[in-house]
Amino acid sequence: MLLPEPRGEFTSTLIDALRRDDDAALPAAHDVPSSPDPLADDELQLALWICYELHYRGFADVAASWEWRPALLAVRAALETLVLDALHAEVKVGAGDAPVADRLREIVDGDDGPGLARFVQVRADRKQFLEFAKHRSLYQLKEADPHSWAIPRLGGRAKAALLEIQFDEYGDGTIERMHSELYRRLLRGVGLDDDYGAYLDDAPGITLAVSNVMSLFGLHRALRGALVGHLAAYEMTSSDPCRRYARGLRRLGGDDDTCRFYDEHVTADALHEQVAAHDLCGGLAEAEPELAEDILFGALACLHVDNRFAAHVLDRWGAGRTSLRDRTSQQGVPIGARSW
């Protein structure tokens, strides 16, 4: 993957410095632009996504040594502060003294999101489903990786629970069953590009925020409670939506092989739900009680950002507009070339 297109002066300067391998050309941390809505800001979220990607697979046109260069870490820290401040302003953990697993269940049961899965199940047309698949590719092609940062930061029952979940996510060691590989199969099945990061330039800020929040929690040991809470909320809320996405894709002509990604999640996440709530989060809260509120914050942040993403997509579709950035990509095989 190469560096993406810039989205403004700040990302233009950042990308140019990375490409030229010039520390002195980096924007200063105090030059990070403020935003009235950091979670949806195209430029802020792209800059943060670029910084985080250096800890994953990186870019073919960026030296690997940039991952830990202090000047870039300072820029990243300034970006992270804006995102964390926004999350804390928009997400509040309610009072309560029930066990963490019970409070997680209350949070999940009380969530009434915008209904994107229901829309895809019964109303989305093929063009809209392709947009949805492009959005999700930014995370699904690295699925499980952000949460795996927690493995060396946990111990005991919580660590064992996380490993149980992640082993399933990585296909029990079989590449064909890895969830990221199943999503690549879905993309190919609907005629889209399955290359890692293929639709980065199409993704609006709120789509990038879905991944960035996971990376933010994952790359900071101090936020390990938020990370496992995020994973728990993700696992506890994905089974039913995936069932709906599968039905919507089949309604549009998707075959069983293309739908396997969703079918797998219907089963796997239903099993992971209890492990995530009771063993992972409950185990961590038992071992480190001071992290209980962080766990709940992470769960709420997961739902909040995902709901904001869903609202963005549905609002754009309701207005007859694309939910992607205006420079909609034409990558991939034309729909007419596939049988679905």
C-alpha atoms as a PDB file:
ATOM      1  CA  MET A   1       0.000   0.000   0.000  1.00  0.00           C
ATOM      2  CA  LEU A   2       1.202   3.496  -0.869  1.00  0.00           C
ATOM      3  CA  LEU A   3       0.539   6.681   1.045  1.00  0.00           C
ATOM      4  CA  PRO A   4      -2.968   8.054   0.381  1.00  0.00           C
ATOM      5  CA  GLU A   5      -3.994  11.335  -1.173  1.00  0.00           C
ATOM      6  CA  PRO A   6      -3.814  14.319   1.210  1.00  0.00           C
ATOM      7  CA  ARG A   7      -7.025  15.965   2.368  1.00  0.00           C
ATOM      8  CA  GLY A   8      -5.710  19.401   3.228  1.00  0.00           C
ATOM      9  CA  GLU A   9      -2.588  21.380   4.057  1.00  0.00           C
ATOM     10  CA  PHE A  10      -1.750  19.425   7.205  1.00  0.00           C
ATOM     11  CA  THR A  11      -1.961  15.953   5.638  1.00  0.00           C
ATOM     12  CA  SER A  12      -0.181  17.261   2.540  1.00  0.00           C
ATOM     13  CA  THR A  13       2.781  18.356   4.682  1.00  0.00           C
ATOM     14  CA  LEU A  14       2.722  15.121   6.690  1.00  0.00           C
ATOM     15  CA  ILE A  15       2.607  12.877   3.635  1.00  0.00           C
ATOM     16  CA  ASP A  16       5.336  14.845   1.874  1.00  0.00           C
ATOM     17  CA  ALA A  17       7.652  14.556   4.898  1.00  0.00           C
ATOM     18  CA  LEU A  18       7.089  10.808   5.175  1.00  0.00           C
ATOM     19  CA  ARG A  19       7.620  10.258   1.472  1.00  0.00           C
ATOM     20  CA  ARG A  20      10.815  12.363   1.431  1.00  0.00           C
ATOM     21  CA  ASP A  21      12.042  10.753   4.674  1.00  0.00           C
ATOM     22  CA  ASP A  22      12.614  14.209   6.130  1.00  0.00           C
ATOM     23  CA  ASP A  23      12.003  14.694   9.853  1.00  0.00           C
ATOM     24  CA  ALA A  24      12.551  18.431   9.554  1.00  0.00           C
ATOM     25  CA  ALA A  25       9.692  18.729   7.062  1.00  0.00           C
ATOM     26  CA  LEU A  26       7.103  17.277   9.463  1.00  0.00           C
ATOM     27  CA  PRO A  27       4.360  19.591  10.695  1.00  0.00           C
ATOM     28  CA  ALA A  28       4.860  20.555  14.324  1.00  0.00           C
ATOM     29  CA  ALA A  29       2.653  19.021  16.989  1.00  0.00           C
ATOM     30  CA  HIS A  30       1.291  22.479  17.864  1.00  0.00           C
ATOM     31  CA  ASP A  31       0.237  22.915  14.235  1.00  0.00           C
ATOM     32  CA  VAL A  32      -2.261  20.069  14.401  1.00  0.00           C
ATOM     33  CA  PRO A  33      -5.491  21.756  13.284  1.00  0.00           C
ATOM     34  CA  SER A  34      -8.379  21.946  15.722  1.00  0.00           C
ATOM     35  CA  SER A  35     -11.808  20.748  14.654  1.00  0.00           C
ATOM     36  CA  PRO A  36     -15.364  21.253  15.883  1.00  0.00           C
ATOM     37  CA  ASP A  37     -15.935  17.525  15.324  1.00  0.00           C
ATOM     38  CA  PRO A  38     -12.699  15.536  15.568  1.00  0.00           C
ATOM     39  CA  LEU A  39     -14.384  12.145  15.188  1.00  0.00           C
ATOM     40  CA  ALA A  40     -15.700  13.015  11.734  1.00  0.00           C
ATOM     41  CA  ASP A  41     -12.921  15.325  10.557  1.00  0.00           C
ATOM     42  CA  ASP A  42     -11.512  13.997   7.275  1.00  0.00           C
ATOM     43  CA  GLU A  43      -8.039  15.456   7.632  1.00  0.00           C
ATOM     44  CA  LEU A  44      -7.549  14.762  11.330  1.00  0.00           C
ATOM     45  CA  GLN A  45      -8.667  11.158  11.035  1.00  0.00           C
ATOM     46  CA  LEU A  46      -6.569  10.518   7.933  1.00  0.00           C
ATOM     47  CA  ALA A  47      -3.466  11.934   9.637  1.00  0.00           C
ATOM     48  CA  LEU A  48      -4.055   9.689  12.642  1.00  0.00           C
ATOM     49  CA  TRP A  49      -4.756   6.657  10.437  1.00  0.00           C
ATOM     50  CA  ILE A  50      -1.444   7.217   8.651  1.00  0.00           C
ATOM     51  CA  CYS A  51       0.418   7.440  11.974  1.00  0.00           C
ATOM     52  CA  TYR A  52      -1.206   4.237  13.207  1.00  0.00           C
ATOM     53  CA  GLU A  53      -0.686   2.303   9.992  1.00  0.00           C
ATOM     54  CA  LEU A  54       3.054   2.548  10.571  1.00  0.00           C
ATOM     55  CA  HIS A  55       2.481   0.135  13.496  1.00  0.00           C
ATOM     56  CA  TYR A  56       0.633  -2.342  11.273  1.00  0.00           C
ATOM     57  CA  ARG A  57       1.764  -3.039   7.701  1.00  0.00           C
ATOM     58  CA  GLY A  58       3.130   0.393   6.867  1.00  0.00           C
ATOM     59  CA  PHE A  59       3.445   1.966   3.426  1.00  0.00           C
ATOM     60  CA  ALA A  60       5.663   0.861   0.578  1.00  0.00           C
ATOM     61  CA  ASP A  61       6.881   4.455   0.101  1.00  0.00           C
ATOM     62  CA  VAL A  62       7.671   5.141   3.788  1.00  0.00           C
ATOM     63  CA  ALA A  63      10.770   3.971   5.670  1.00  0.00           C
ATOM     64  CA  ALA A  64       9.915   1.474   8.418  1.00  0.00           C
ATOM     65  CA  SER A  65      11.947   3.519  10.924  1.00  0.00           C
ATOM     66  CA  TRP A  66       9.215   6.165  10.991  1.00  0.00           C
ATOM     67  CA  GLU A  67       7.186   3.968  13.334  1.00  0.00           C
ATOM     68  CA  TRP A  68       9.042   5.223  16.423  1.00  0.00           C
ATOM     69  CA  ARG A  69      10.522   8.552  15.403  1.00  0.00           C
ATOM     70  CA  PRO A  70       9.936  11.022  18.261  1.00  0.00           C
ATOM     71  CA  ALA A  71       8.864  13.946  16.071  1.00  0.00           C
ATOM     72  CA  LEU A  72       6.088  11.895  14.482  1.00  0.00           C
ATOM     73  CA  LEU A  73       5.033  10.450  17.838  1.00  0.00           C
ATOM     74  CA  ALA A  74       4.592  14.013  19.090  1.00  0.00           C
ATOM     75  CA  VAL A  75       2.278  14.775  16.161  1.00  0.00           C
ATOM     76  CA  ARG A  76       0.384  11.561  16.812  1.00  0.00           C
ATOM     77  CA  ALA A  77      -0.013  12.426  20.502  1.00  0.00           C
ATOM     78  CA  ALA A  78      -1.526  15.806  19.607  1.00  0.00           C
ATOM     79  CA  LEU A  79      -4.002  14.126  17.253  1.00  0.00           C
ATOM     80  CA  GLU A  80      -4.862  11.515  19.885  1.00  0.00           C
ATOM     81  CA  THR A  81      -5.585  14.193  22.464  1.00  0.00           C
ATOM     82  CA  LEU A  82      -8.217  15.718  20.176  1.00  0.00           C
ATOM     83  CA  VAL A  83      -9.878  12.349  19.628  1.00  0.00           C
ATOM     84  CA  LEU A  84      -9.807  11.309  23.286  1.00  0.00           C
ATOM     85  CA  ASP A  85     -11.162  14.675  24.396  1.00  0.00           C
ATOM     86  CA  ALA A  86     -14.003  14.319  21.897  1.00  0.00           C
ATOM     87  CA  LEU A  87     -14.802  10.799  23.094  1.00  0.00           C
ATOM     88  CA  HIS A  88     -14.854  11.876  26.738  1.00  0.00           C
ATOM     89  CA  ALA A  89     -17.109  14.815  25.838  1.00  0.00           C
ATOM     90  CA  GLU A  90     -19.570  12.618  23.925  1.00  0.00           C
ATOM     91  CA  VAL A  91     -19.453   9.390  25.970  1.00  0.00           C
ATOM     92  CA  LYS A  92     -20.343   9.274  29.658  1.00  0.00           C
ATOM     93  CA  VAL A  93     -20.198   6.238  31.931  1.00  0.00           C
ATOM     94  CA  GLY A  94     -23.211   6.141  34.201  1.00  0.00           C
ATOM     95  CA  ALA A  95     -23.020   5.411  37.900  1.00  0.00           C
ATOM     96  CA  GLY A  96     -23.499   1.852  39.104  1.00  0.00           C
ATOM     97  CA  ASP A  97     -22.087  -0.792  41.390  1.00  0.00           C
ATOM     98  CA  ALA A  98     -23.207  -3.955  39.583  1.00  0.00           C
ATOM     99  CA  PRO A  99     -20.540  -6.345  38.247  1.00  0.00           C
ATOM    100  CA  VAL A 100     -18.877  -5.179  35.033  1.00  0.00           C
ATOM    101  CA  ALA A 101     -20.452  -7.975  32.972  1.00  0.00           C
ATOM    102  CA  ASP A 102     -23.938  -6.924  34.095  1.00  0.00           C
ATOM    103  CA  ARG A 103     -23.244  -3.275  33.348  1.00  0.00           C
ATOM    104  CA  LEU A 104     -21.966  -4.218  29.894  1.00  0.00           C
ATOM    105  CA  ARG A 105     -25.203  -6.072  29.254  1.00  0.00           C
ATOM    106  CA  GLU A 106     -27.180  -2.981  30.297  1.00  0.00           C
ATOM    107  CA  ILE A 107     -25.133  -0.817  27.939  1.00  0.00           C
ATOM    108  CA  VAL A 108     -25.620  -3.180  25.006  1.00  0.00           C
ATOM    109  CA  ASP A 109     -29.321  -3.730  25.679  1.00  0.00           C
ATOM    110  CA  GLY A 110     -29.864   0.006  25.998  1.00  0.00           C
ATOM    111  CA  ASP A 111     -28.201   0.847  22.707  1.00  0.00           C
ATOM    112  CA  ASP A 112     -30.676   1.895  20.038  1.00  0.00           C
ATOM    113  CA  GLY A 113     -28.545   2.619  17.006  1.00  0.00           C
ATOM    114  CA  PRO A 114     -29.617   4.085  13.655  1.00  0.00           C
ATOM    115  CA  GLY A 115     -30.575   0.705  12.140  1.00  0.00           C
ATOM    116  CA  LEU A 116     -28.030   0.377   9.350  1.00  0.00           C
ATOM    117  CA  ALA A 117     -28.186  -3.433   9.458  1.00  0.00           C
ATOM    118  CA  ARG A 118     -31.970  -3.383   9.115  1.00  0.00           C
ATOM    119  CA  PHE A 119     -31.685  -1.043   6.132  1.00  0.00           C
ATOM    120  CA  VAL A 120     -29.121  -3.248   4.404  1.00  0.00           C
ATOM    121  CA  GLN A 121     -31.258  -6.315   5.053  1.00  0.00           C
ATOM    122  CA  VAL A 122     -34.430  -5.038   3.401  1.00  0.00           C
ATOM    123  CA  ARG A 123     -33.792  -1.852   1.433  1.00  0.00           C
ATOM    124  CA  ALA A 124     -30.210  -1.339   0.277  1.00  0.00           C
ATOM    125  CA  ASP A 125     -29.567  -1.643  -3.454  1.00  0.00           C
ATOM    126  CA  ARG A 126     -26.402  -3.088  -4.952  1.00  0.00           C
ATOM    127  CA  LYS A 127     -24.643   0.263  -5.228  1.00  0.00           C
ATOM    128  CA  GLN A 128     -25.332   0.973  -1.566  1.00  0.00           C
ATOM    129  CA  PHE A 129     -24.116  -2.454  -0.476  1.00  0.00           C
ATOM    130  CA  LEU A 130     -20.881  -1.911  -2.411  1.00  0.00           C
ATOM    131  CA  GLU A 131     -20.386   1.382  -0.598  1.00  0.00           C
ATOM    132  CA  PHE A 132     -20.975  -0.342   2.716  1.00  0.00           C
ATOM    133  CA  ALA A 133     -18.458  -3.055   1.829  1.00  0.00           C
ATOM    134  CA  LYS A 134     -15.850  -0.438   0.929  1.00  0.00           C
ATOM    135  CA  HIS A 135     -16.340   1.390   4.232  1.00  0.00           C
ATOM    136  CA  ARG A 136     -15.959  -1.783   6.245  1.00  0.00           C
ATOM    137  CA  SER A 137     -12.910  -2.981   4.327  1.00  0.00           C
ATOM    138  CA  LEU A 138     -10.740  -0.444   6.178  1.00  0.00           C
ATOM    139  CA  TYR A 139     -11.170  -2.424   9.390  1.00  0.00           C
ATOM    140  CA  GLN A 140     -12.244  -5.900   8.290  1.00  0.00           C
ATOM    141  CA  LEU A 141      -9.029  -6.501   6.320  1.00  0.00           C
ATOM    142  CA  LYS A 142      -7.113  -6.092   9.586  1.00  0.00           C
ATOM    143  CA  GLU A 143      -9.828  -7.600  11.767  1.00  0.00           C
ATOM    144  CA  ALA A 144      -8.672  -8.593  15.251  1.00  0.00           C
ATOM    145  CA  ASP A 145      -5.265  -6.913  14.907  1.00  0.00           C
ATOM    146  CA  PRO A 146      -6.000  -3.780  17.004  1.00  0.00           C
ATOM    147  CA  HIS A 147      -7.420  -5.835  19.883  1.00  0.00           C
ATOM    148  CA  SER A 148      -4.425  -8.169  19.825  1.00  0.00           C
ATOM    149  CA  TRP A 149      -2.314  -5.351  21.278  1.00  0.00           C
ATOM    150  CA  ALA A 150      -3.945  -6.248  24.611  1.00  0.00           C
ATOM    151  CA  ILE A 151      -2.541  -9.792  24.735  1.00  0.00           C
ATOM    152  CA  PRO A 152       0.829  -8.962  26.364  1.00  0.00           C
ATOM    153  CA  ARG A 153      -0.858  -6.426  28.654  1.00  0.00           C
ATOM    154  CA  LEU A 154      -3.212  -8.860  30.375  1.00  0.00           C
ATOM    155  CA  GLY A 155      -2.760 -11.868  32.602  1.00  0.00           C
ATOM    156  CA  GLY A 156      -4.729 -14.740  34.087  1.00  0.00           C
ATOM    157  CA  ARG A 157      -8.385 -15.280  33.202  1.00  0.00           C
ATOM    158  CA  ALA A 158      -8.632 -12.136  31.080  1.00  0.00           C
ATOM    159  CA  LYS A 159      -5.655 -13.120  28.943  1.00  0.00           C
ATOM    160  CA  ALA A 160      -6.957 -16.640  28.417  1.00  0.00           C
ATOM    161  CA  ALA A 161     -10.359 -15.274  27.365  1.00  0.00           C
ATOM    162  CA  LEU A 162      -8.830 -12.818  24.914  1.00  0.00           C
ATOM    163  CA  LEU A 163      -6.715 -15.559  23.369  1.00  0.00           C
ATOM    164  CA  GLU A 164      -9.793 -17.767  22.990  1.00  0.00           C
ATOM    165  CA  ILE A 165     -11.586 -15.006  21.091  1.00  0.00           C
ATOM    166  CA  GLN A 166      -8.597 -14.009  18.982  1.00  0.00           C
ATOM    167  CA  PHE A 167      -7.775 -17.588  18.039  1.00  0.00           C
ATOM    168  CA  ASP A 168     -11.213 -17.829  16.446  1.00  0.00           C
ATOM    169  CA  GLU A 169     -10.753 -14.451  14.738  1.00  0.00           C
ATOM    170  CA  TYR A 170      -7.555 -15.733  13.150  1.00  0.00           C
ATOM    171  CA  GLY A 171      -9.263 -18.877  11.872  1.00  0.00           C
ATOM    172  CA  ASP A 172      -7.793 -21.298  14.420  1.00  0.00           C
ATOM    173  CA  GLY A 173      -4.512 -20.950  12.541  1.00  0.00           C
ATOM    174  CA  THR A 174      -6.036 -21.760   9.131  1.00  0.00           C
ATOM    175  CA  ILE A 175      -5.657 -18.916   6.643  1.00  0.00           C
ATOM    176  CA  GLU A 176      -8.831 -19.724   4.717  1.00  0.00           C
ATOM    177  CA  ARG A 177     -10.865 -19.288   7.922  1.00  0.00           C
ATOM    178  CA  MET A 178      -9.262 -16.055   9.103  1.00  0.00           C
ATOM    179  CA  HIS A 179     -11.971 -13.420   9.322  1.00  0.00           C
ATOM    180  CA  SER A 180      -9.904 -10.945   7.326  1.00  0.00           C
ATOM    181  CA  GLU A 181      -9.538 -13.565   4.578  1.00  0.00           C
ATOM    182  CA  LEU A 182     -13.270 -14.238   4.626  1.00  0.00           C
ATOM    183  CA  TYR A 183     -13.845 -10.532   4.065  1.00  0.00           C
ATOM    184  CA  ARG A 184     -11.441 -10.577   1.130  1.00  0.00           C
ATOM    185  CA  ARG A 185     -13.585 -13.380  -0.289  1.00  0.00           C
ATOM    186  CA  LEU A 186     -16.676 -11.205   0.172  1.00  0.00           C
ATOM    187  CA  LEU A 187     -15.037  -8.296  -1.645  1.00  0.00           C
ATOM    188  CA  ARG A 188     -14.037 -10.488  -4.561  1.00  0.00           C
ATOM    189  CA  GLY A 189     -17.497 -12.012  -4.646  1.00  0.00           C
ATOM    190  CA  VAL A 190     -19.137  -8.637  -5.216  1.00  0.00           C
ATOM    191  CA  GLY A 191     -16.510  -7.474  -7.707  1.00  0.00           C
ATOM    192  CA  LEU A 192     -14.484  -5.176  -5.475  1.00  0.00           C
ATOM    193  CA  ASP A 193     -10.747  -4.817  -4.936  1.00  0.00           C
ATOM    194  CA  ASP A 194      -9.583  -7.003  -2.031  1.00  0.00           C
ATOM    195  CA  ASP A 195      -6.208  -5.303  -1.604  1.00  0.00           C
ATOM    196  CA  TYR A 196      -5.445  -4.044   1.882  1.00  0.00           C
ATOM    197  CA  GLY A 197      -6.300  -0.331   2.055  1.00  0.00           C
ATOM    198  CA  ALA A 198      -7.713  -0.209  -1.483  1.00  0.00           C
ATOM    199  CA  TYR A 199     -10.525   2.154  -0.490  1.00  0.00           C
ATOM    200  CA  LEU A 200      -8.645   4.372   1.949  1.00  0.00           C
ATOM    201  CA  ASP A 201      -9.002   7.433  -0.292  1.00  0.00           C
ATOM    202  CA  ASP A 202     -12.775   6.887  -0.437  1.00  0.00           C
ATOM    203  CA  ALA A 203     -13.304   6.601   3.313  1.00  0.00           C
ATOM    204  CA  PRO A 204     -14.662   9.666   5.145  1.00  0.00           C
ATOM    205  CA  GLY A 205     -13.356  10.679   8.546  1.00  0.00           C
ATOM    206  CA  ILE A 206     -15.995   8.827  10.557  1.00  0.00           C
ATOM    207  CA  THR A 207     -15.131   5.563   8.782  1.00  0.00           C
ATOM    208  CA  LEU A 208     -11.468   6.014   9.656  1.00  0.00           C
ATOM    209  CA  ALA A 209     -12.464   6.860  13.238  1.00  0.00           C
ATOM    210  CA  VAL A 210     -13.978   3.388  13.648  1.00  0.00           C
ATOM    211  CA  SER A 211     -10.513   1.879  13.161  1.00  0.00           C
ATOM    212  CA  ASN A 212      -8.577   4.702  14.769  1.00  0.00           C
ATOM    213  CA  VAL A 213     -10.367   4.395  18.095  1.00  0.00           C
ATOM    214  CA  MET A 214      -9.380   0.719  18.277  1.00  0.00           C
ATOM    215  CA  SER A 215      -5.769   1.563  17.465  1.00  0.00           C
ATOM    216  CA  LEU A 216      -5.755   4.398  19.984  1.00  0.00           C
ATOM    217  CA  PHE A 217      -6.917   2.084  22.761  1.00  0.00           C
ATOM    218  CA  GLY A 218      -4.641  -0.722  21.593  1.00  0.00           C
ATOM    219  CA  LEU A 219      -1.380   1.203  21.368  1.00  0.00           C
ATOM    220  CA  HIS A 220      -1.564   2.615  24.893  1.00  0.00           C
ATOM    221  CA  ARG A 221      -1.161   0.287  27.844  1.00  0.00           C
ATOM    222  CA  ALA A 222      -2.947   2.862  29.998  1.00  0.00           C
ATOM    223  CA  LEU A 223      -6.053   2.319  27.850  1.00  0.00           C
ATOM    224  CA  ARG A 224      -6.064  -1.497  28.011  1.00  0.00           C
ATOM    225  CA  GLY A 225      -9.326  -1.435  29.969  1.00  0.00           C
ATOM    226  CA  ALA A 226     -10.990   0.613  27.241  1.00  0.00           C
ATOM    227  CA  LEU A 227      -9.611  -1.776  24.624  1.00  0.00           C
ATOM    228  CA  VAL A 228     -11.130  -4.908  26.155  1.00  0.00           C
ATOM    229  CA  GLY A 229     -14.403  -3.057  26.777  1.00  0.00           C
ATOM    230  CA  HIS A 230     -14.406  -2.043  23.113  1.00  0.00           C
ATOM    231  CA  LEU A 231     -13.875  -5.647  22.044  1.00  0.00           C
ATOM    232  CA  ALA A 232     -16.638  -6.859  24.358  1.00  0.00           C
ATOM    233  CA  ALA A 233     -19.156  -4.381  22.941  1.00  0.00           C
ATOM    234  CA  TYR A 234     -18.103  -5.345  19.420  1.00  0.00           C
ATOM    235  CA  GLU A 235     -18.607  -9.043  20.106  1.00  0.00           C
ATOM    236  CA  MET A 236     -21.849  -8.543  22.035  1.00  0.00           C
ATOM    237  CA  THR A 237     -23.504  -6.520  19.266  1.00  0.00           C
ATOM    238  CA  SER A 238     -22.349  -8.095  16.003  1.00  0.00           C
ATOM    239  CA  SER A 239     -24.201 -11.404  15.736  1.00  0.00           C
ATOM    240  CA  ASP A 240     -27.645 -10.014  14.872  1.00  0.00           C
ATOM    241  CA  PRO A 241     -26.354  -7.311  12.471  1.00  0.00           C
ATOM    242  CA  CYS A 242     -24.264  -9.895  10.646  1.00  0.00           C
ATOM    243  CA  ARG A 243     -27.340 -12.069  10.249  1.00  0.00           C
ATOM    244  CA  ARG A 244     -29.118  -9.084   8.715  1.00  0.00           C
ATOM    245  CA  TYR A 245     -26.188  -8.212   6.439  1.00  0.00           C
ATOM    246  CA  ALA A 246     -26.102 -11.800   5.191  1.00  0.00           C
ATOM    247  CA  ARG A 247     -29.808 -11.700   4.407  1.00  0.00           C
ATOM    248  CA  GLY A 248     -29.394  -8.395   2.602  1.00  0.00           C
ATOM    249  CA  LEU A 249     -26.477  -9.677   0.550  1.00  0.00           C
ATOM    250  CA  ARG A 250     -28.374 -12.829  -0.387  1.00  0.00           C
ATOM    251  CA  ARG A 251     -31.392 -10.712  -1.342  1.00  0.00           C
ATOM    252  CA  LEU A 252     -29.085  -8.863  -3.753  1.00  0.00           C
ATOM    253  CA  GLY A 253     -27.796 -12.116  -5.248  1.00  0.00           C
ATOM    254  CA  GLY A 254     -24.802 -12.948  -3.077  1.00  0.00           C
ATOM    255  CA  ASP A 255     -23.969 -16.650  -2.955  1.00  0.00           C
ATOM    256  CA  ASP A 256     -23.065 -18.689   0.126  1.00  0.00           C
ATOM    257  CA  ASP A 257     -19.331 -18.318  -0.428  1.00  0.00           C
ATOM    258  CA  THR A 258     -19.610 -14.525  -0.588  1.00  0.00           C
ATOM    259  CA  CYS A 259     -21.830 -14.469   2.508  1.00  0.00           C
ATOM    260  CA  ARG A 260     -19.563 -16.731   4.544  1.00  0.00           C
ATOM    261  CA  PHE A 261     -17.943 -13.793   6.333  1.00  0.00           C
ATOM    262  CA  TYR A 262     -21.287 -12.803   7.845  1.00  0.00           C
ATOM    263  CA  ASP A 263     -22.443 -16.362   8.447  1.00  0.00           C
ATOM    264  CA  GLU A 264     -19.258 -17.059  10.408  1.00  0.00           C
ATOM    265  CA  HIS A 265     -19.822 -14.042  12.631  1.00  0.00           C
ATOM    266  CA  VAL A 266     -23.398 -15.004  13.415  1.00  0.00           C
ATOM    267  CA  THR A 267     -22.096 -18.159  15.087  1.00  0.00           C
ATOM    268  CA  ALA A 268     -18.700 -17.062  16.365  1.00  0.00           C
ATOM    269  CA  ASP A 269     -19.773 -13.798  17.962  1.00  0.00           C
ATOM    270  CA  ALA A 270     -22.719 -15.407  19.716  1.00  0.00           C
ATOM    271  CA  LEU A 271     -20.185 -17.701  21.420  1.00  0.00           C
ATOM    272  CA  HIS A 272     -17.716 -14.892  22.058  1.00  0.00           C
ATOM    273  CA  GLU A 273     -20.334 -12.721  23.742  1.00  0.00           C
ATOM    274  CA  GLN A 274     -20.276 -14.500  27.085  1.00  0.00           C
ATOM    275  CA  VAL A 275     -16.523 -15.007  27.034  1.00  0.00           C
ATOM    276  CA  ALA A 276     -15.944 -11.318  26.337  1.00  0.00           C
ATOM    277  CA  ALA A 277     -18.338 -10.038  29.000  1.00  0.00           C
ATOM    278  CA  HIS A 278     -17.671 -12.437  31.845  1.00  0.00           C
ATOM    279  CA  ASP A 279     -14.191 -13.853  31.380  1.00  0.00           C
ATOM    280  CA  LEU A 280     -12.389 -11.072  29.529  1.00  0.00           C
ATOM    281  CA  CYS A 281     -13.941  -7.947  31.043  1.00  0.00           C
ATOM    282  CA  GLY A 282     -15.075  -9.559  34.268  1.00  0.00           C
ATOM    283  CA  GLY A 283     -11.689 -11.178  34.717  1.00  0.00           C
ATOM    284  CA  LEU A 284      -9.827  -7.908  34.119  1.00  0.00           C
ATOM    285  CA  ALA A 285     -12.095  -5.965  36.484  1.00  0.00           C
ATOM    286  CA  GLU A 286     -11.567  -8.629  39.132  1.00  0.00           C
ATOM    287  CA  ALA A 287      -7.787  -8.512  38.748  1.00  0.00           C
ATOM    288  CA  GLU A 288      -7.591  -4.725  38.381  1.00  0.00           C
ATOM    289  CA  PRO A 289     -10.751  -3.135  39.874  1.00  0.00           C
ATOM    290  CA  GLU A 290      -9.493   0.342  39.071  1.00  0.00           C
ATOM    291  CA  LEU A 291     -10.027  -0.409  35.357  1.00  0.00           C
ATOM    292  CA  ALA A 292     -13.773  -1.087  35.640  1.00  0.00           C
ATOM    293  CA  GLU A 293     -14.814   2.384  34.498  1.00  0.00           C
ATOM    294  CA  ASP A 294     -12.315   2.274  31.641  1.00  0.00           C
ATOM    295  CA  ILE A 295     -13.818  -1.016  30.452  1.00  0.00           C
ATOM    296  CA  LEU A 296     -17.284   0.532  30.352  1.00  0.00           C
ATOM    297  CA  PHE A 297     -15.971   3.665  28.650  1.00  0.00           C
ATOM    298  CA  GLY A 298     -14.410   1.535  25.915  1.00  0.00           C
ATOM    299  CA  ALA A 299     -17.687  -0.306  25.349  1.00  0.00           C
ATOM    300  CA  LEU A 300     -19.638   2.937  25.136  1.00  0.00           C
ATOM    301  CA  ALA A 301     -17.045   4.463  22.809  1.00  0.00           C
ATOM    302  CA  CYS A 302     -17.326   1.462  20.491  1.00  0.00           C
ATOM    303  CA  LEU A 303     -21.087   1.795  20.217  1.00  0.00           C
ATOM    304  CA  HIS A 304     -20.983   5.586  19.941  1.00  0.00           C
ATOM    305  CA  VAL A 305     -18.515   5.721  17.056  1.00  0.00           C
ATOM    306  CA  ASP A 306     -20.217   2.876  15.214  1.00  0.00           C
ATOM    307  CA  ASN A 307     -23.585   4.591  15.616  1.00  0.00           C
ATOM    308  CA  ARG A 308     -22.137   7.825  14.280  1.00  0.00           C
ATOM    309  CA  PHE A 309     -20.788   5.913  11.290  1.00  0.00           C
ATOM    310  CA  ALA A 310     -24.191   4.298  10.677  1.00  0.00           C
ATOM    311  CA  ALA A 311     -25.968   7.649  10.975  1.00  0.00           C
ATOM    312  CA  HIS A 312     -23.581   9.162   8.431  1.00  0.00           C
ATOM    313  CA  VAL A 313     -24.237   6.391   5.925  1.00  0.00           C
ATOM    314  CA  LEU A 314     -28.017   6.449   6.352  1.00  0.00           C
ATOM    315  CA  ASP A 315     -28.185  10.246   6.234  1.00  0.00           C
ATOM    316  CA  ARG A 316     -26.267  10.331   2.964  1.00  0.00           C
ATOM    317  CA  TRP A 317     -28.325   7.553   1.434  1.00  0.00           C
ATOM    318  CA  GLY A 318     -31.528   9.203   2.605  1.00  0.00           C
ATOM    319  CA  ALA A 319     -30.478  12.350   0.753  1.00  0.00           C
ATOM    320  CA  GLY A 320     -29.717  10.372  -2.405  1.00  0.00           C
ATOM    321  CA  ARG A 321     -25.969  10.936  -2.050  1.00  0.00           C
ATOM    322  CA  THR A 322     -22.945   8.661  -1.795  1.00  0.00           C
ATOM    323  CA  SER A 323     -21.823   7.827   1.724  1.00  0.00           C
ATOM    324  CA  LEU A 324     -18.211   7.742   0.531  1.00  0.00           C
ATOM    325  CA  ARG A 325     -16.084  10.782  -0.158  1.00  0.00           C
ATOM    326  CA  ASP A 326     -17.038  12.612  -3.334  1.00  0.00           C
ATOM    327  CA  ARG A 327     -14.100  11.180  -5.298  1.00  0.00           C
ATOM    328  CA  THR A 328     -15.784   7.751  -5.310  1.00  0.00           C
ATOM    329  CA  SER A 329     -13.342   5.076  -6.406  1.00  0.00           C
ATOM    330  CA  GLN A 330     -13.927   3.040  -9.536  1.00  0.00           C
ATOM    331  CA  GLN A 331     -11.498   0.332  -8.458  1.00  0.00           C
ATOM    332  CA  GLY A 332     -12.518  -3.273  -8.751  1.00  0.00           C
ATOM    333  CA  VAL A 333     -14.260  -5.413 -11.299  1.00  0.00           C
ATOM    334  CA  PRO A 334     -17.485  -3.924 -12.690  1.00  0.00           C
ATOM    335  CA  ILE A 335     -20.576  -5.433 -11.098  1.00  0.00           C
ATOM    336  CA  GLY A 336     -21.823  -6.685 -14.410  1.00  0.00           C
ATOM    337  CA  ALA A 337     -18.781  -8.945 -14.653  1.00  0.00           C
ATOM    338  CA  ARG A 338     -19.810 -11.015 -11.672  1.00  0.00           C
ATOM    339  CA  SER A 339     -22.736 -13.381 -11.281  1.00  0.00           C
ATOM    340  CA  TRP A 340     -24.037 -12.109  -7.956  1.00  0.00           C
END
